[in-house]
Amino acid sequence: MFGHPLKRNQNRIHLTTCRGGSLLLNEDKNEIEKTDELIKSIGYPDIPPVRPPYGKKLIGFPLYLSKTNHDTITWNLEPGSFYSTPDEKINYVKEHIQSGSIILMHPMYDNTDSELQAIEGILQSLTEDGYRFVTIKELQDKSENLHK
């Protein structure tokens, strides 16, 4: 549901831009490869999944990630795109949550602490409803075991 021990977020806008029918991937391939090397150099055993910018998954980028054994991770709930108050965000998540949901929130852009209030309220509400929170890796492992 929430979190990953190490996060990677590709934010280059040209990952989702086309020129002459082909995706611009050279700089992005270099960025991913350099990031992989850095992650390996600090001793992290796994390559974390890539979250495409804005959740865009055009053909070229996912194909490259698949060919290079990178998992792609996206989310199914993003309360900040639809609502602004903590109560609205909490209610949205409560109404749309399902087992295996991934919630995307951006508290780092909030100067009012309302995003942190929303996160706290979501955690409390879902805990009371019996949900438990796992890392992305745990969620992936569970999904893989279900499909064996």
N, C-alpha and C. Protein backbone atom coordinates (compact mmCIF):
# COMPACT_ATOMS: atom_id res chain seq x y z
N MET A 1 0.81 -1.19 0.00
CA MET A 1 0.00 0.00 0.00
C MET A 1 0.86 1.26 0.00
N PHE A 2 1.64 1.49 1.01
CA PHE A 2 2.49 2.66 1.08
C PHE A 2 3.94 2.21 1.13
N GLY A 3 4.78 2.88 0.39
CA GLY A 3 6.19 2.82 0.65
C GLY A 3 7.01 1.80 -0.09
N HIS A 4 8.25 2.11 -0.15
CA HIS A 4 9.26 1.23 -0.69
C HIS A 4 10.55 1.63 0.00
N PRO A 5 11.38 0.68 0.38
CA PRO A 5 12.60 1.04 1.10
C PRO A 5 13.51 1.98 0.32
N LEU A 6 13.52 1.87 -0.99
CA LEU A 6 14.32 2.75 -1.83
C LEU A 6 13.46 3.09 -3.03
N LYS A 7 13.33 4.37 -3.32
CA LYS A 7 12.41 4.79 -4.38
C LYS A 7 13.17 5.39 -5.53
N ARG A 8 12.68 5.13 -6.72
CA ARG A 8 13.23 5.72 -7.93
C ARG A 8 12.06 6.36 -8.65
N ASN A 9 12.28 7.58 -9.10
CA ASN A 9 11.22 8.31 -9.79
C ASN A 9 11.83 8.99 -10.99
N GLN A 10 11.49 8.55 -12.17
CA GLN A 10 12.01 9.17 -13.39
C GLN A 10 11.12 10.37 -13.72
N ASN A 11 11.67 11.55 -13.65
CA ASN A 11 10.87 12.75 -13.85
C ASN A 11 11.15 13.48 -15.15
N ARG A 12 11.91 12.92 -16.03
CA ARG A 12 12.19 13.62 -17.27
C ARG A 12 10.95 13.62 -18.15
N ILE A 13 10.52 14.79 -18.51
CA ILE A 13 9.28 14.92 -19.27
C ILE A 13 9.38 14.26 -20.64
N HIS A 14 10.60 14.19 -21.24
CA HIS A 14 10.68 13.63 -22.57
C HIS A 14 10.55 12.11 -22.60
N LEU A 15 10.36 11.47 -21.44
CA LEU A 15 10.04 10.06 -21.45
C LEU A 15 8.69 9.83 -22.13
N THR A 16 7.85 10.82 -22.10
CA THR A 16 6.50 10.66 -22.64
C THR A 16 6.29 11.52 -23.88
N THR A 17 7.35 12.01 -24.48
CA THR A 17 7.25 12.89 -25.64
C THR A 17 7.71 12.16 -26.89
N CYS A 18 7.06 12.40 -27.98
CA CYS A 18 7.44 11.75 -29.24
C CYS A 18 8.04 12.77 -30.20
N ARG A 19 9.01 12.32 -30.97
CA ARG A 19 9.55 13.14 -32.05
C ARG A 19 9.69 12.21 -33.25
N GLY A 20 8.98 12.53 -34.31
CA GLY A 20 9.05 11.71 -35.51
C GLY A 20 8.60 10.28 -35.28
N GLY A 21 7.69 10.08 -34.34
CA GLY A 21 7.13 8.76 -34.10
C GLY A 21 7.94 7.90 -33.15
N SER A 22 9.13 8.34 -32.74
CA SER A 22 9.90 7.51 -31.81
C SER A 22 10.08 8.25 -30.49
N LEU A 23 10.15 7.48 -29.43
CA LEU A 23 10.32 8.09 -28.11
C LEU A 23 11.77 8.51 -27.91
N LEU A 24 11.96 9.61 -27.21
CA LEU A 24 13.30 10.08 -26.88
C LEU A 24 13.76 9.35 -25.63
N LEU A 25 14.64 8.36 -25.79
CA LEU A 25 15.03 7.55 -24.65
C LEU A 25 16.52 7.57 -24.33
N ASN A 26 17.38 8.11 -25.18
CA ASN A 26 18.81 8.01 -24.93
C ASN A 26 19.21 8.60 -23.58
N GLU A 27 18.82 9.82 -23.29
CA GLU A 27 19.17 10.42 -22.01
C GLU A 27 18.56 9.64 -20.87
N ASP A 28 17.34 9.16 -21.08
CA ASP A 28 16.65 8.44 -20.02
C ASP A 28 17.28 7.08 -19.78
N LYS A 29 17.71 6.40 -20.84
CA LYS A 29 18.42 5.14 -20.68
C LYS A 29 19.69 5.38 -19.87
N ASN A 30 20.42 6.44 -20.20
CA ASN A 30 21.63 6.76 -19.45
C ASN A 30 21.32 7.04 -17.98
N GLU A 31 20.24 7.78 -17.73
CA GLU A 31 19.87 8.10 -16.35
C GLU A 31 19.52 6.84 -15.58
N ILE A 32 18.77 5.95 -16.20
CA ILE A 32 18.38 4.71 -15.53
C ILE A 32 19.62 3.85 -15.26
N GLU A 33 20.50 3.73 -16.25
CA GLU A 33 21.71 2.92 -16.08
C GLU A 33 22.62 3.50 -14.99
N LYS A 34 22.79 4.82 -14.98
CA LYS A 34 23.61 5.45 -13.93
C LYS A 34 22.98 5.25 -12.55
N THR A 35 21.67 5.36 -12.49
CA THR A 35 20.98 5.16 -11.21
C THR A 35 21.14 3.72 -10.75
N ASP A 36 21.01 2.76 -11.66
CA ASP A 36 21.21 1.36 -11.31
C ASP A 36 22.61 1.13 -10.74
N GLU A 37 23.62 1.70 -11.39
CA GLU A 37 25.00 1.55 -10.91
C GLU A 37 25.18 2.17 -9.53
N LEU A 38 24.60 3.33 -9.32
CA LEU A 38 24.68 3.98 -8.00
C LEU A 38 24.02 3.12 -6.93
N ILE A 39 22.85 2.59 -7.25
CA ILE A 39 22.14 1.74 -6.30
C ILE A 39 22.98 0.51 -5.96
N LYS A 40 23.56 -0.11 -6.98
CA LYS A 40 24.42 -1.28 -6.75
C LYS A 40 25.65 -0.90 -5.93
N SER A 41 26.22 0.27 -6.20
CA SER A 41 27.46 0.68 -5.52
C SER A 41 27.27 0.91 -4.02
N ILE A 42 26.05 1.20 -3.60
CA ILE A 42 25.81 1.39 -2.16
C ILE A 42 25.37 0.09 -1.49
N GLY A 43 25.37 -1.00 -2.28
CA GLY A 43 25.10 -2.31 -1.71
C GLY A 43 23.64 -2.70 -1.64
N TYR A 44 22.77 -1.95 -2.28
CA TYR A 44 21.35 -2.31 -2.27
C TYR A 44 21.18 -3.54 -3.16
N PRO A 45 20.57 -4.62 -2.64
CA PRO A 45 20.56 -5.88 -3.37
C PRO A 45 19.61 -5.93 -4.57
N ASP A 46 18.57 -5.13 -4.56
CA ASP A 46 17.57 -5.19 -5.62
C ASP A 46 17.51 -3.87 -6.38
N ILE A 47 17.12 -3.94 -7.62
CA ILE A 47 16.88 -2.73 -8.38
C ILE A 47 15.41 -2.36 -8.15
N PRO A 48 15.15 -1.20 -7.57
CA PRO A 48 13.76 -0.85 -7.28
C PRO A 48 12.98 -0.56 -8.56
N PRO A 49 11.66 -0.72 -8.49
CA PRO A 49 10.84 -0.44 -9.66
C PRO A 49 10.92 1.03 -10.06
N VAL A 50 10.59 1.30 -11.29
CA VAL A 50 10.59 2.66 -11.82
C VAL A 50 9.14 3.17 -11.84
N ARG A 51 8.95 4.35 -11.30
CA ARG A 51 7.64 4.99 -11.39
C ARG A 51 7.70 6.01 -12.51
N PRO A 52 7.00 5.74 -13.63
CA PRO A 52 7.07 6.68 -14.75
C PRO A 52 6.48 8.04 -14.36
N PRO A 53 7.00 9.11 -14.94
CA PRO A 53 6.47 10.43 -14.62
C PRO A 53 4.99 10.52 -14.99
N TYR A 54 4.22 11.00 -14.05
CA TYR A 54 2.78 11.19 -14.24
C TYR A 54 2.06 9.88 -14.56
N GLY A 55 2.70 8.76 -14.33
CA GLY A 55 2.09 7.47 -14.59
C GLY A 55 1.97 7.12 -16.06
N LYS A 56 2.63 7.88 -16.92
CA LYS A 56 2.54 7.66 -18.36
C LYS A 56 3.36 6.43 -18.74
N LYS A 57 2.75 5.57 -19.50
CA LYS A 57 3.45 4.37 -19.94
C LYS A 57 3.22 4.17 -21.43
N LEU A 58 3.93 4.97 -22.24
CA LEU A 58 3.86 4.79 -23.68
C LEU A 58 4.68 3.57 -24.07
N ILE A 59 4.61 3.18 -25.28
CA ILE A 59 5.17 1.90 -25.73
C ILE A 59 6.68 1.80 -25.52
N GLY A 60 7.44 2.79 -25.91
CA GLY A 60 8.90 2.68 -25.88
C GLY A 60 9.49 2.55 -24.49
N PHE A 61 9.01 3.34 -23.55
CA PHE A 61 9.57 3.31 -22.20
C PHE A 61 9.30 1.98 -21.50
N PRO A 62 8.05 1.51 -21.46
CA PRO A 62 7.82 0.20 -20.84
C PRO A 62 8.56 -0.94 -21.54
N LEU A 63 8.69 -0.84 -22.85
CA LEU A 63 9.41 -1.87 -23.60
C LEU A 63 10.88 -1.90 -23.17
N TYR A 64 11.50 -0.72 -23.08
CA TYR A 64 12.88 -0.63 -22.62
C TYR A 64 13.01 -1.21 -21.21
N LEU A 65 12.12 -0.81 -20.32
CA LEU A 65 12.18 -1.30 -18.93
C LEU A 65 12.02 -2.81 -18.88
N SER A 66 11.12 -3.34 -19.65
CA SER A 66 10.90 -4.78 -19.69
C SER A 66 12.14 -5.52 -20.19
N LYS A 67 12.73 -5.00 -21.25
CA LYS A 67 13.92 -5.65 -21.83
C LYS A 67 15.12 -5.59 -20.89
N THR A 68 15.14 -4.62 -20.00
CA THR A 68 16.26 -4.47 -19.07
C THR A 68 15.91 -4.96 -17.66
N ASN A 69 14.84 -5.74 -17.56
CA ASN A 69 14.40 -6.35 -16.30
C ASN A 69 14.10 -5.35 -15.20
N HIS A 70 13.52 -4.23 -15.57
CA HIS A 70 13.07 -3.24 -14.59
C HIS A 70 11.55 -3.36 -14.44
N ASP A 71 11.11 -3.46 -13.22
CA ASP A 71 9.66 -3.44 -12.98
C ASP A 71 9.17 -2.01 -13.03
N THR A 72 7.94 -1.85 -13.48
CA THR A 72 7.29 -0.54 -13.47
C THR A 72 6.23 -0.57 -12.38
N ILE A 73 6.16 0.49 -11.62
CA ILE A 73 5.16 0.56 -10.55
C ILE A 73 4.33 1.83 -10.75
N THR A 74 3.04 1.67 -10.67
CA THR A 74 2.14 2.83 -10.71
C THR A 74 1.17 2.71 -9.55
N TRP A 75 0.23 3.58 -9.48
CA TRP A 75 -0.70 3.65 -8.37
C TRP A 75 -2.11 3.60 -8.90
N ASN A 76 -3.05 3.32 -8.01
CA ASN A 76 -4.44 3.34 -8.44
C ASN A 76 -5.27 4.37 -7.68
N LEU A 77 -4.68 4.99 -6.68
CA LEU A 77 -5.39 6.05 -5.95
C LEU A 77 -4.48 7.27 -5.81
N GLU A 78 -5.00 8.42 -6.20
CA GLU A 78 -4.26 9.67 -6.09
C GLU A 78 -5.23 10.76 -5.62
N PRO A 79 -5.50 10.79 -4.32
CA PRO A 79 -6.52 11.71 -3.81
C PRO A 79 -6.20 13.19 -4.04
N GLY A 80 -4.94 13.55 -4.14
CA GLY A 80 -4.57 14.94 -4.35
C GLY A 80 -4.96 15.49 -5.71
N SER A 81 -5.24 14.61 -6.66
CA SER A 81 -5.66 15.06 -7.99
C SER A 81 -7.12 15.48 -8.02
N PHE A 82 -7.87 15.04 -7.05
CA PHE A 82 -9.30 15.29 -7.07
C PHE A 82 -9.79 16.17 -5.92
N TYR A 83 -9.07 16.14 -4.80
CA TYR A 83 -9.56 16.80 -3.60
C TYR A 83 -8.46 17.61 -2.94
N SER A 84 -8.87 18.59 -2.14
CA SER A 84 -7.86 19.44 -1.51
C SER A 84 -7.85 19.35 0.01
N THR A 85 -8.97 19.06 0.65
CA THR A 85 -8.96 19.02 2.12
C THR A 85 -8.62 17.62 2.61
N PRO A 86 -8.05 17.52 3.80
CA PRO A 86 -7.74 16.19 4.35
C PRO A 86 -8.97 15.29 4.43
N ASP A 87 -10.10 15.82 4.88
CA ASP A 87 -11.30 14.99 5.00
C ASP A 87 -11.76 14.45 3.65
N GLU A 88 -11.69 15.28 2.62
CA GLU A 88 -12.07 14.83 1.28
C GLU A 88 -11.15 13.72 0.80
N LYS A 89 -9.86 13.86 1.05
CA LYS A 89 -8.89 12.86 0.62
C LYS A 89 -9.09 11.54 1.38
N ILE A 90 -9.33 11.65 2.67
CA ILE A 90 -9.56 10.46 3.49
C ILE A 90 -10.80 9.72 3.00
N ASN A 91 -11.88 10.46 2.78
CA ASN A 91 -13.12 9.84 2.31
C ASN A 91 -12.95 9.21 0.93
N TYR A 92 -12.23 9.89 0.05
CA TYR A 92 -11.98 9.34 -1.29
C TYR A 92 -11.27 7.99 -1.18
N VAL A 93 -10.22 7.94 -0.38
CA VAL A 93 -9.46 6.70 -0.24
C VAL A 93 -10.34 5.62 0.39
N LYS A 94 -11.08 5.95 1.44
CA LYS A 94 -11.95 4.96 2.08
C LYS A 94 -12.96 4.38 1.10
N GLU A 95 -13.47 5.20 0.21
CA GLU A 95 -14.49 4.75 -0.74
C GLU A 95 -13.91 3.93 -1.90
N HIS A 96 -12.63 4.12 -2.21
CA HIS A 96 -12.05 3.49 -3.40
C HIS A 96 -10.96 2.46 -3.10
N ILE A 97 -10.60 2.30 -1.85
CA ILE A 97 -9.51 1.38 -1.50
C ILE A 97 -9.92 -0.06 -1.79
N GLN A 98 -8.93 -0.85 -2.17
CA GLN A 98 -9.12 -2.29 -2.34
C GLN A 98 -7.80 -2.96 -1.99
N SER A 99 -7.86 -4.24 -1.76
CA SER A 99 -6.65 -4.97 -1.43
C SER A 99 -5.64 -4.79 -2.55
N GLY A 100 -4.41 -4.42 -2.19
CA GLY A 100 -3.36 -4.22 -3.18
C GLY A 100 -3.27 -2.81 -3.72
N SER A 101 -4.10 -1.91 -3.23
CA SER A 101 -4.05 -0.52 -3.71
C SER A 101 -2.73 0.13 -3.39
N ILE A 102 -2.33 1.03 -4.27
CA ILE A 102 -1.15 1.87 -4.05
C ILE A 102 -1.66 3.31 -4.11
N ILE A 103 -1.36 4.06 -3.06
CA ILE A 103 -1.84 5.43 -2.93
C ILE A 103 -0.66 6.37 -3.17
N LEU A 104 -0.83 7.31 -4.08
CA LEU A 104 0.20 8.30 -4.37
C LEU A 104 -0.18 9.62 -3.73
N MET A 105 0.72 10.14 -2.90
CA MET A 105 0.52 11.45 -2.27
C MET A 105 1.86 12.18 -2.29
N HIS A 106 1.81 13.50 -2.27
CA HIS A 106 3.01 14.32 -2.35
C HIS A 106 3.07 15.32 -1.19
N PRO A 107 3.40 14.89 0.01
CA PRO A 107 3.44 15.82 1.14
C PRO A 107 4.57 16.84 1.05
N MET A 108 5.59 16.57 0.24
CA MET A 108 6.72 17.48 0.16
C MET A 108 6.39 18.81 -0.50
N TYR A 109 5.26 18.87 -1.20
CA TYR A 109 4.87 20.11 -1.86
C TYR A 109 3.85 20.92 -1.06
N ASP A 110 3.54 20.47 0.14
CA ASP A 110 2.48 21.09 0.94
C ASP A 110 3.09 21.88 2.09
N ASN A 111 2.85 23.18 2.11
CA ASN A 111 3.37 24.04 3.19
C ASN A 111 2.40 24.17 4.35
N THR A 112 1.20 23.61 4.22
CA THR A 112 0.17 23.79 5.24
C THR A 112 0.02 22.60 6.17
N ASP A 113 0.72 21.52 5.89
CA ASP A 113 0.61 20.26 6.63
C ASP A 113 -0.72 19.55 6.41
N SER A 114 -1.56 20.03 5.51
CA SER A 114 -2.83 19.35 5.28
C SER A 114 -2.61 17.98 4.62
N GLU A 115 -1.57 17.85 3.80
CA GLU A 115 -1.29 16.56 3.18
C GLU A 115 -0.86 15.55 4.24
N LEU A 116 -0.06 16.00 5.20
CA LEU A 116 0.33 15.10 6.29
C LEU A 116 -0.88 14.73 7.15
N GLN A 117 -1.79 15.67 7.35
CA GLN A 117 -3.03 15.37 8.08
C GLN A 117 -3.85 14.33 7.32
N ALA A 118 -3.90 14.47 6.00
CA ALA A 118 -4.63 13.50 5.19
C ALA A 118 -3.98 12.12 5.30
N ILE A 119 -2.67 12.07 5.22
CA ILE A 119 -1.97 10.78 5.32
C ILE A 119 -2.24 10.15 6.69
N GLU A 120 -2.13 10.94 7.74
CA GLU A 120 -2.40 10.43 9.08
C GLU A 120 -3.83 9.89 9.18
N GLY A 121 -4.77 10.64 8.65
CA GLY A 121 -6.17 10.21 8.69
C GLY A 121 -6.40 8.95 7.87
N ILE A 122 -5.76 8.84 6.71
CA ILE A 122 -5.88 7.65 5.87
C ILE A 122 -5.31 6.44 6.60
N LEU A 123 -4.11 6.60 7.16
CA LEU A 123 -3.49 5.49 7.89
C LEU A 123 -4.37 5.02 9.05
N GLN A 124 -4.88 5.97 9.80
CA GLN A 124 -5.72 5.63 10.95
C GLN A 124 -7.01 4.94 10.49
N SER A 125 -7.67 5.51 9.50
CA SER A 125 -8.93 4.97 9.01
C SER A 125 -8.76 3.56 8.44
N LEU A 126 -7.73 3.37 7.62
CA LEU A 126 -7.54 2.06 7.00
C LEU A 126 -7.09 1.02 8.03
N THR A 127 -6.29 1.43 9.00
CA THR A 127 -5.89 0.52 10.08
C THR A 127 -7.13 0.07 10.85
N GLU A 128 -8.00 1.00 11.15
CA GLU A 128 -9.24 0.66 11.86
C GLU A 128 -10.11 -0.29 11.05
N ASP A 129 -10.04 -0.19 9.73
CA ASP A 129 -10.82 -1.06 8.85
C ASP A 129 -10.13 -2.40 8.58
N GLY A 130 -8.97 -2.62 9.21
CA GLY A 130 -8.29 -3.91 9.10
C GLY A 130 -7.25 -4.02 8.01
N TYR A 131 -6.97 -2.93 7.30
CA TYR A 131 -5.92 -2.98 6.29
C TYR A 131 -4.56 -2.98 6.97
N ARG A 132 -3.59 -3.56 6.31
CA ARG A 132 -2.22 -3.46 6.78
C ARG A 132 -1.38 -2.89 5.65
N PHE A 133 -0.26 -2.32 6.01
CA PHE A 133 0.56 -1.59 5.05
C PHE A 133 1.85 -2.36 4.82
N VAL A 134 2.19 -2.50 3.55
CA VAL A 134 3.37 -3.26 3.18
C VAL A 134 4.21 -2.44 2.21
N THR A 135 5.43 -2.86 2.02
CA THR A 135 6.29 -2.21 1.03
C THR A 135 5.88 -2.67 -0.36
N ILE A 136 6.35 -1.96 -1.36
CA ILE A 136 6.10 -2.35 -2.75
C ILE A 136 6.66 -3.75 -2.99
N LYS A 137 7.85 -4.03 -2.47
CA LYS A 137 8.48 -5.35 -2.64
C LYS A 137 7.59 -6.45 -2.07
N GLU A 138 7.04 -6.23 -0.87
CA GLU A 138 6.15 -7.23 -0.28
C GLU A 138 4.89 -7.41 -1.12
N LEU A 139 4.38 -6.33 -1.65
CA LEU A 139 3.20 -6.39 -2.51
C LEU A 139 3.50 -7.17 -3.79
N GLN A 140 4.67 -6.90 -4.39
CA GLN A 140 5.08 -7.62 -5.59
C GLN A 140 5.26 -9.10 -5.31
N ASP A 141 5.91 -9.43 -4.20
CA ASP A 141 6.14 -10.83 -3.84
C ASP A 141 4.83 -11.56 -3.65
N LYS A 142 3.89 -10.93 -2.98
CA LYS A 142 2.58 -11.55 -2.76
C LYS A 142 1.87 -11.78 -4.09
N SER A 143 1.94 -10.80 -4.97
CA SER A 143 1.31 -10.92 -6.30
C SER A 143 1.95 -12.05 -7.10
N GLU A 144 3.28 -12.15 -7.05
CA GLU A 144 3.97 -13.23 -7.77
C GLU A 144 3.56 -14.60 -7.24
N ASN A 145 3.42 -14.73 -5.93
CA ASN A 145 3.02 -16.00 -5.34
C ASN A 145 1.60 -16.37 -5.72
N LEU A 146 0.73 -15.39 -5.90
CA LEU A 146 -0.65 -15.67 -6.30
C LEU A 146 -0.74 -16.16 -7.73
N HIS A 147 0.24 -15.78 -8.57
CA HIS A 147 0.20 -16.14 -9.98
C HIS A 147 1.06 -17.35 -10.33
N LYS A 148 1.55 -18.05 -9.32
CA LYS A 148 2.37 -19.25 -9.57
C LYS A 148 1.48 -20.45 -9.71
